[in-house]
Amino acid sequence: MFVLVLAVPALLVVVLGYVVGHAVWTAVGGPAPEVVGWVTGLVLLGVVTALAWRWLRRSRG
């Protein structure tokens, strides 16, 4: 159950990044929008993770 608590929000962040990256790249007309979508999703996950770590460090102390 604990794995789902972490995995589901992470998956939602990656999918959100994928959708945004894919839509923007398709609108621009670039090649391989799927690759750009996944990269955007993973970058967004990294940013959200870094911000969460910072927030946790500041709140603890």
PDB file of N, CA and C in Angstrom:
ATOM      1  N   MET A   1       0.818  -1.193   0.000  1.00  0.00           N
ATOM      2  CA  MET A   1       0.000   0.000   0.000  1.00  0.00           C
ATOM      3  C   MET A   1       0.861   1.254   0.000  1.00  0.00           C
ATOM      4  N   PHE A   2       1.997   1.225   0.735  1.00  0.00           N
ATOM      5  CA  PHE A   2       2.870   2.390   0.802  1.00  0.00           C
ATOM      6  C   PHE A   2       3.440   2.741  -0.566  1.00  0.00           C
ATOM      7  N   VAL A   3       3.719   1.718  -1.374  1.00  0.00           N
ATOM      8  CA  VAL A   3       4.260   1.968  -2.711  1.00  0.00           C
ATOM      9  C   VAL A   3       3.247   2.738  -3.550  1.00  0.00           C
ATOM     10  N   LEU A   4       1.980   2.413  -3.427  1.00  0.00           N
ATOM     11  CA  LEU A   4       0.947   3.118  -4.190  1.00  0.00           C
ATOM     12  C   LEU A   4       0.840   4.578  -3.783  1.00  0.00           C
ATOM     13  N   VAL A   5       1.074   4.868  -2.512  1.00  0.00           N
ATOM     14  CA  VAL A   5       0.992   6.252  -2.038  1.00  0.00           C
ATOM     15  C   VAL A   5       2.045   7.112  -2.726  1.00  0.00           C
ATOM     16  N   LEU A   6       3.196   6.546  -3.039  1.00  0.00           N
ATOM     17  CA  LEU A   6       4.248   7.290  -3.732  1.00  0.00           C
ATOM     18  C   LEU A   6       4.167   7.148  -5.252  1.00  0.00           C
ATOM     19  N   ALA A   7       3.789   5.976  -5.728  1.00  0.00           N
ATOM     20  CA  ALA A   7       3.815   5.721  -7.165  1.00  0.00           C
ATOM     21  C   ALA A   7       2.702   6.433  -7.922  1.00  0.00           C
ATOM     22  N   VAL A   8       1.524   6.496  -7.352  1.00  0.00           N
ATOM     23  CA  VAL A   8       0.393   7.100  -8.069  1.00  0.00           C
ATOM     24  C   VAL A   8       0.602   8.591  -8.301  1.00  0.00           C
ATOM     25  N   PRO A   9       0.986   9.383  -7.291  1.00  0.00           N
ATOM     26  CA  PRO A   9       1.243  10.801  -7.581  1.00  0.00           C
ATOM     27  C   PRO A   9       2.402  11.004  -8.558  1.00  0.00           C
ATOM     28  N   ALA A  10       3.441  10.177  -8.452  1.00  0.00           N
ATOM     29  CA  ALA A  10       4.566  10.297  -9.382  1.00  0.00           C
ATOM     30  C   ALA A  10       4.114   9.999 -10.806  1.00  0.00           C
ATOM     31  N   LEU A  11       3.309   8.978 -10.967  1.00  0.00           N
ATOM     32  CA  LEU A  11       2.800   8.640 -12.293  1.00  0.00           C
ATOM     33  C   LEU A  11       1.915   9.753 -12.843  1.00  0.00           C
ATOM     34  N   LEU A  12       1.101  10.348 -11.994  1.00  0.00           N
ATOM     35  CA  LEU A  12       0.249  11.453 -12.444  1.00  0.00           C
ATOM     36  C   LEU A  12       1.075  12.653 -12.895  1.00  0.00           C
ATOM     37  N   VAL A  13       2.160  12.944 -12.195  1.00  0.00           N
ATOM     38  CA  VAL A  13       3.030  14.058 -12.592  1.00  0.00           C
ATOM     39  C   VAL A  13       3.684  13.760 -13.933  1.00  0.00           C
ATOM     40  N   VAL A  14       4.165  12.540 -14.123  1.00  0.00           N
ATOM     41  CA  VAL A  14       4.799  12.173 -15.392  1.00  0.00           C
ATOM     42  C   VAL A  14       3.787  12.238 -16.533  1.00  0.00           C
ATOM     43  N   VAL A  15       2.590  11.750 -16.307  1.00  0.00           N
ATOM     44  CA  VAL A  15       1.563  11.777 -17.354  1.00  0.00           C
ATOM     45  C   VAL A  15       1.163  13.210 -17.680  1.00  0.00           C
ATOM     46  N   LEU A  16       1.054  14.060 -16.671  1.00  0.00           N
ATOM     47  CA  LEU A  16       0.747  15.467 -16.924  1.00  0.00           C
ATOM     48  C   LEU A  16       1.836  16.112 -17.774  1.00  0.00           C
ATOM     49  N   GLY A  17       3.087  15.865 -17.433  1.00  0.00           N
ATOM     50  CA  GLY A  17       4.192  16.389 -18.236  1.00  0.00           C
ATOM     51  C   GLY A  17       4.184  15.831 -19.643  1.00  0.00           C
ATOM     52  N   TYR A  18       3.859  14.551 -19.770  1.00  0.00           N
ATOM     53  CA  TYR A  18       3.779  13.934 -21.092  1.00  0.00           C
ATOM     54  C   TYR A  18       2.717  14.611 -21.945  1.00  0.00           C
ATOM     55  N   VAL A  19       1.551  14.825 -21.371  1.00  0.00           N
ATOM     56  CA  VAL A  19       0.442  15.427 -22.125  1.00  0.00           C
ATOM     57  C   VAL A  19       0.809  16.834 -22.579  1.00  0.00           C
ATOM     58  N   VAL A  20       1.378  17.618 -21.681  1.00  0.00           N
ATOM     59  CA  VAL A  20       1.750  18.995 -22.030  1.00  0.00           C
ATOM     60  C   VAL A  20       2.857  18.999 -23.084  1.00  0.00           C
ATOM     61  N   GLY A  21       3.897  18.211 -22.872  1.00  0.00           N
ATOM     62  CA  GLY A  21       4.996  18.164 -23.837  1.00  0.00           C
ATOM     63  C   GLY A  21       4.556  17.667 -25.199  1.00  0.00           C
ATOM     64  N   HIS A  22       3.734  16.637 -25.216  1.00  0.00           N
ATOM     65  CA  HIS A  22       3.238  16.083 -26.476  1.00  0.00           C
ATOM     66  C   HIS A  22       2.373  17.100 -27.203  1.00  0.00           C
ATOM     67  N   ALA A  23       1.486  17.781 -26.481  1.00  0.00           N
ATOM     68  CA  ALA A  23       0.594  18.759 -27.109  1.00  0.00           C
ATOM     69  C   ALA A  23       1.368  19.938 -27.679  1.00  0.00           C
ATOM     70  N   VAL A  24       2.322  20.440 -26.915  1.00  0.00           N
ATOM     71  CA  VAL A  24       3.108  21.587 -27.395  1.00  0.00           C
ATOM     72  C   VAL A  24       3.944  21.187 -28.600  1.00  0.00           C
ATOM     73  N   TRP A  25       4.591  20.026 -28.531  1.00  0.00           N
ATOM     74  CA  TRP A  25       5.458  19.611 -29.633  1.00  0.00           C
ATOM     75  C   TRP A  25       4.651  19.289 -30.887  1.00  0.00           C
ATOM     76  N   THR A  26       3.463  18.755 -30.717  1.00  0.00           N
ATOM     77  CA  THR A  26       2.592  18.497 -31.864  1.00  0.00           C
ATOM     78  C   THR A  26       2.133  19.807 -32.483  1.00  0.00           C
ATOM     79  N   ALA A  27       1.807  20.797 -31.650  1.00  0.00           N
ATOM     80  CA  ALA A  27       1.381  22.100 -32.162  1.00  0.00           C
ATOM     81  C   ALA A  27       2.507  22.797 -32.910  1.00  0.00           C
ATOM     82  N   VAL A  28       3.738  22.618 -32.456  1.00  0.00           N
ATOM     83  CA  VAL A  28       4.894  23.213 -33.129  1.00  0.00           C
ATOM     84  C   VAL A  28       5.179  22.481 -34.433  1.00  0.00           C
ATOM     85  N   GLY A  29       4.847  21.224 -34.474  1.00  0.00           N
ATOM     86  CA  GLY A  29       5.055  20.435 -35.687  1.00  0.00           C
ATOM     87  C   GLY A  29       6.381  19.708 -35.717  1.00  0.00           C
ATOM     88  N   GLY A  30       6.967  19.489 -34.554  1.00  0.00           N
ATOM     89  CA  GLY A  30       8.250  18.804 -34.493  1.00  0.00           C
ATOM     90  C   GLY A  30       8.102  17.299 -34.639  1.00  0.00           C
ATOM     91  N   PRO A  31       9.211  16.619 -34.956  1.00  0.00           N
ATOM     92  CA  PRO A  31       9.170  15.161 -35.087  1.00  0.00           C
ATOM     93  C   PRO A  31       9.199  14.475 -33.718  1.00  0.00           C
ATOM     94  N   ALA A  32       8.677  13.287 -33.667  1.00  0.00           N
ATOM     95  CA  ALA A  32       8.699  12.410 -32.484  1.00  0.00           C
ATOM     96  C   ALA A  32       8.136  13.073 -31.235  1.00  0.00           C
ATOM     97  N   PRO A  33       6.845  13.420 -31.238  1.00  0.00           N
ATOM     98  CA  PRO A  33       6.273  14.065 -30.047  1.00  0.00           C
ATOM     99  C   PRO A  33       6.202  13.140 -28.830  1.00  0.00           C
ATOM    100  N   GLU A  34       6.219  11.821 -29.046  1.00  0.00           N
ATOM    101  CA  GLU A  34       6.166  10.897 -27.913  1.00  0.00           C
ATOM    102  C   GLU A  34       7.434  10.997 -27.070  1.00  0.00           C
ATOM    103  N   VAL A  35       8.572  11.081 -27.735  1.00  0.00           N
ATOM    104  CA  VAL A  35       9.845  11.185 -27.015  1.00  0.00           C
ATOM    105  C   VAL A  35       9.891  12.482 -26.220  1.00  0.00           C
ATOM    106  N   VAL A  36       9.490  13.570 -26.853  1.00  0.00           N
ATOM    107  CA  VAL A  36       9.483  14.867 -26.176  1.00  0.00           C
ATOM    108  C   VAL A  36       8.513  14.840 -24.999  1.00  0.00           C
ATOM    109  N   GLY A  37       7.389  14.177 -25.167  1.00  0.00           N
ATOM    110  CA  GLY A  37       6.426  14.069 -24.079  1.00  0.00           C
ATOM    111  C   GLY A  37       6.991  13.340 -22.874  1.00  0.00           C
ATOM    112  N   TRP A  38       7.661  12.209 -23.105  1.00  0.00           N
ATOM    113  CA  TRP A  38       8.234  11.457 -21.983  1.00  0.00           C
ATOM    114  C   TRP A  38       9.353  12.234 -21.306  1.00  0.00           C
ATOM    115  N   VAL A  39      10.179  12.887 -22.097  1.00  0.00           N
ATOM    116  CA  VAL A  39      11.261  13.683 -21.507  1.00  0.00           C
ATOM    117  C   VAL A  39      10.683  14.810 -20.662  1.00  0.00           C
ATOM    118  N   THR A  40       9.657  15.477 -21.173  1.00  0.00           N
ATOM    119  CA  THR A  40       9.012  16.549 -20.415  1.00  0.00           C
ATOM    120  C   THR A  40       8.411  16.011 -19.120  1.00  0.00           C
ATOM    121  N   GLY A  41       7.789  14.860 -19.177  1.00  0.00           N
ATOM    122  CA  GLY A  41       7.217  14.260 -17.977  1.00  0.00           C
ATOM    123  C   GLY A  41       8.265  13.920 -16.933  1.00  0.00           C
ATOM    124  N   LEU A  42       9.387  13.371 -17.367  1.00  0.00           N
ATOM    125  CA  LEU A  42      10.445  13.023 -16.423  1.00  0.00           C
ATOM    126  C   LEU A  42      11.115  14.263 -15.839  1.00  0.00           C
ATOM    127  N   VAL A  43      11.277  15.299 -16.664  1.00  0.00           N
ATOM    128  CA  VAL A  43      11.833  16.557 -16.149  1.00  0.00           C
ATOM    129  C   VAL A  43      10.888  17.166 -15.118  1.00  0.00           C
ATOM    130  N   LEU A  44       9.598  17.147 -15.409  1.00  0.00           N
ATOM    131  CA  LEU A  44       8.623  17.670 -14.451  1.00  0.00           C
ATOM    132  C   LEU A  44       8.660  16.878 -13.146  1.00  0.00           C
ATOM    133  N   LEU A  45       8.812  15.566 -13.230  1.00  0.00           N
ATOM    134  CA  LEU A  45       8.922  14.748 -12.023  1.00  0.00           C
ATOM    135  C   LEU A  45      10.159  15.141 -11.217  1.00  0.00           C
ATOM    136  N   GLY A  46      11.264  15.377 -11.893  1.00  0.00           N
ATOM    137  CA  GLY A  46      12.479  15.818 -11.200  1.00  0.00           C
ATOM    138  C   GLY A  46      12.302  17.157 -10.510  1.00  0.00           C
ATOM    139  N   VAL A  47      11.638  18.089 -11.178  1.00  0.00           N
ATOM    140  CA  VAL A  47      11.404  19.413 -10.592  1.00  0.00           C
ATOM    141  C   VAL A  47      10.488  19.308  -9.380  1.00  0.00           C
ATOM    142  N   VAL A  48       9.419  18.558  -9.514  1.00  0.00           N
ATOM    143  CA  VAL A  48       8.481  18.407  -8.394  1.00  0.00           C
ATOM    144  C   VAL A  48       9.160  17.711  -7.216  1.00  0.00           C
ATOM    145  N   THR A  49       9.989  16.717  -7.486  1.00  0.00           N
ATOM    146  CA  THR A  49      10.705  16.022  -6.418  1.00  0.00           C
ATOM    147  C   THR A  49      11.673  16.958  -5.706  1.00  0.00           C
ATOM    148  N   ALA A  50      12.415  17.755  -6.473  1.00  0.00           N
ATOM    149  CA  ALA A  50      13.353  18.706  -5.865  1.00  0.00           C
ATOM    150  C   ALA A  50      12.620  19.736  -5.016  1.00  0.00           C
ATOM    151  N   LEU A  51      11.507  20.242  -5.506  1.00  0.00           N
ATOM    152  CA  LEU A  51      10.732  21.214  -4.730  1.00  0.00           C
ATOM    153  C   LEU A  51      10.157  20.592  -3.462  1.00  0.00           C
ATOM    154  N   ALA A  52       9.726  19.348  -3.550  1.00  0.00           N
ATOM    155  CA  ALA A  52       9.191  18.669  -2.366  1.00  0.00           C
ATOM    156  C   ALA A  52      10.279  18.462  -1.315  1.00  0.00           C
ATOM    157  N   TRP A  53      11.488  18.086  -1.748  1.00  0.00           N
ATOM    158  CA  TRP A  53      12.591  17.909  -0.799  1.00  0.00           C
ATOM    159  C   TRP A  53      12.937  19.223  -0.116  1.00  0.00           C
ATOM    160  N   ARG A  54      12.975  20.303  -0.902  1.00  0.00           N
ATOM    161  CA  ARG A  54      13.258  21.615  -0.313  1.00  0.00           C
ATOM    162  C   ARG A  54      12.200  21.993   0.708  1.00  0.00           C
ATOM    163  N   TRP A  55      10.954  21.780   0.368  1.00  0.00           N
ATOM    164  CA  TRP A  55       9.859  22.132   1.265  1.00  0.00           C
ATOM    165  C   TRP A  55       9.937  21.320   2.557  1.00  0.00           C
ATOM    166  N   LEU A  56      10.256  20.027   2.430  1.00  0.00           N
ATOM    167  CA  LEU A  56      10.379  19.184   3.621  1.00  0.00           C
ATOM    168  C   LEU A  56      11.538  19.621   4.512  1.00  0.00           C
ATOM    169  N   ARG A  57      12.672  19.979   3.906  1.00  0.00           N
ATOM    170  CA  ARG A  57      13.819  20.433   4.690  1.00  0.00           C
ATOM    171  C   ARG A  57      13.512  21.726   5.432  1.00  0.00           C
ATOM    172  N   ARG A  58      12.842  22.645   4.767  1.00  0.00           N
ATOM    173  CA  ARG A  58      12.514  23.923   5.405  1.00  0.00           C
ATOM    174  C   ARG A  58      11.488  23.750   6.517  1.00  0.00           C
ATOM    175  N   SER A  59      10.535  22.863   6.322  1.00  0.00           N
ATOM    176  CA  SER A  59       9.493  22.692   7.336  1.00  0.00           C
ATOM    177  C   SER A  59      10.018  21.972   8.581  1.00  0.00           C
ATOM    178  N   ARG A  60      11.056  21.182   8.419  1.00  0.00           N
ATOM    179  CA  ARG A  60      11.626  20.459   9.568  1.00  0.00           C
ATOM    180  C   ARG A  60      12.596  21.319  10.361  1.00  0.00           C
ATOM    181  N   GLY A  61      13.083  22.354   9.714  1.00  0.00           N
ATOM    182  CA  GLY A  61      13.928  23.053  10.479  1.00  0.00           C
ATOM    183  C   GLY A  61      14.847  24.034  10.515  1.00  0.00           C
TER     184      GLY A  61
END
